[in-house]
Amino acid sequence: MTISHKDVQHIAALSRLSLTEEEKELFGNQLNDILLYVNKLNELDTADVTPTSHVVPMQNIFRNDTLQQSVALDDALANAPDRAGDFYRVPKIIE
């Protein structure tokens, strides 16, 4: 399968790209090179290769959820530059 000049124009139009004739030629050649490489990869026998999502074995490392005391309200608000009762006071950003 090869990418024709018309295909490159169609792809450019779908992508809303304005390409010069030189760019169309360049990108057409690059797309053809990519397709040739993919076809070369398709020649490999992968029947005995198991699918992987990572090259090295990985697993999620989760910590156990443990119930513990939360930070006290006064400690949490101790460094607040402006406090309104039990809340942080912040500048109004919506008018």
Protein backbone atom coordinates (compact mmCIF):
# COMPACT_ATOMS: atom_id res chain seq x y z
CA MET A 1 0.00 0.00 0.00
CA THR A 2 1.32 3.42 -0.90
CA ILE A 3 0.14 6.90 -0.15
CA SER A 4 -0.68 8.88 -3.28
CA HIS A 5 -0.48 12.63 -3.75
CA LYS A 6 -4.28 12.70 -3.64
CA ASP A 7 -4.24 10.84 -0.28
CA VAL A 8 -1.85 13.40 1.18
CA GLN A 9 -4.12 16.22 0.01
CA HIS A 10 -7.11 14.49 1.58
CA ILE A 11 -5.30 13.95 4.88
CA ALA A 12 -4.17 17.59 4.88
CA ALA A 13 -7.74 18.76 4.26
CA LEU A 14 -9.08 16.59 7.08
CA SER A 15 -6.37 17.97 9.37
CA ARG A 16 -7.10 21.52 8.29
CA LEU A 17 -3.51 21.94 7.14
CA SER A 18 -2.40 24.15 4.31
CA LEU A 19 0.60 22.42 2.74
CA THR A 20 2.86 23.51 -0.06
CA GLU A 21 3.59 21.10 -2.92
CA GLU A 22 7.05 20.44 -1.45
CA GLU A 23 5.52 19.58 1.95
CA LYS A 24 2.98 17.28 0.33
CA GLU A 25 5.80 15.47 -1.46
CA LEU A 26 7.88 15.27 1.72
CA PHE A 27 5.01 14.03 3.90
CA GLY A 28 3.88 11.58 1.23
CA ASN A 29 7.38 10.05 1.15
CA GLN A 30 7.52 9.92 4.94
CA LEU A 31 4.11 8.24 5.17
CA ASN A 32 5.16 5.68 2.55
CA ASP A 33 8.34 4.95 4.52
CA ILE A 34 6.25 4.39 7.66
CA LEU A 35 3.93 1.99 5.82
CA LEU A 36 6.92 0.08 4.41
CA TYR A 37 8.35 -0.28 7.91
CA VAL A 38 5.01 -1.50 9.31
CA ASN A 39 4.78 -4.04 6.49
CA LYS A 40 8.29 -5.23 7.34
CA LEU A 41 7.23 -5.66 10.97
CA ASN A 42 4.21 -7.67 9.82
CA GLU A 43 6.62 -10.25 8.39
CA LEU A 44 7.75 -11.23 11.89
CA ASP A 45 6.34 -14.41 13.39
CA THR A 46 4.74 -13.36 16.67
CA ALA A 47 2.59 -16.46 17.21
CA ASP A 48 4.46 -17.50 20.38
CA VAL A 49 4.89 -14.00 21.78
CA THR A 50 2.53 -13.13 24.60
CA PRO A 51 1.04 -9.63 24.50
CA THR A 52 2.55 -7.17 26.95
CA SER A 53 1.77 -3.67 28.02
CA HIS A 54 5.26 -3.08 29.47
CA VAL A 55 8.67 -4.39 28.56
CA VAL A 56 9.61 -5.05 32.17
CA PRO A 57 7.27 -6.72 34.66
CA MET A 58 5.46 -4.11 36.70
CA GLN A 59 2.84 -4.16 39.39
CA ASN A 60 1.04 -1.47 41.27
CA ILE A 61 2.33 -0.85 44.73
CA PHE A 62 -0.46 0.28 46.98
CA ARG A 63 -0.22 0.98 50.64
CA ASN A 64 -2.82 -0.47 52.94
CA ASP A 65 -5.55 1.93 53.91
CA THR A 66 -5.35 2.53 57.61
CA LEU A 67 -7.67 4.53 59.75
CA GLN A 68 -5.86 7.39 61.48
CA GLN A 69 -6.60 10.73 63.04
CA SER A 70 -7.00 13.67 60.71
CA VAL A 71 -5.10 16.90 61.19
CA ALA A 72 -6.74 19.05 63.83
CA LEU A 73 -8.65 22.04 62.44
CA ASP A 74 -6.54 24.57 64.32
CA ASP A 75 -3.33 22.93 63.08
CA ALA A 76 -4.59 22.92 59.50
CA LEU A 77 -5.50 26.61 59.64
CA ALA A 78 -2.49 27.68 61.73
CA ASN A 79 -0.54 29.14 58.77
CA ALA A 80 -3.52 30.56 56.92
CA PRO A 81 -2.84 34.19 56.04
CA ASP A 82 -6.51 35.05 56.38
CA ARG A 83 -8.94 32.91 58.34
CA ALA A 84 -12.73 33.22 58.56
CA GLY A 85 -13.85 31.04 61.44
CA ASP A 86 -13.16 27.44 60.47
CA PHE A 87 -12.31 28.28 56.82
CA TYR A 88 -9.59 29.80 54.69
CA ARG A 89 -10.52 33.25 53.37
CA VAL A 90 -9.48 33.72 49.74
CA PRO A 91 -9.85 36.67 47.37
CA LYS A 92 -13.05 36.77 45.34
CA ILE A 93 -12.28 35.81 41.76
CA ILE A 94 -15.79 35.75 40.25
CA GLU A 95 -17.75 38.93 40.02
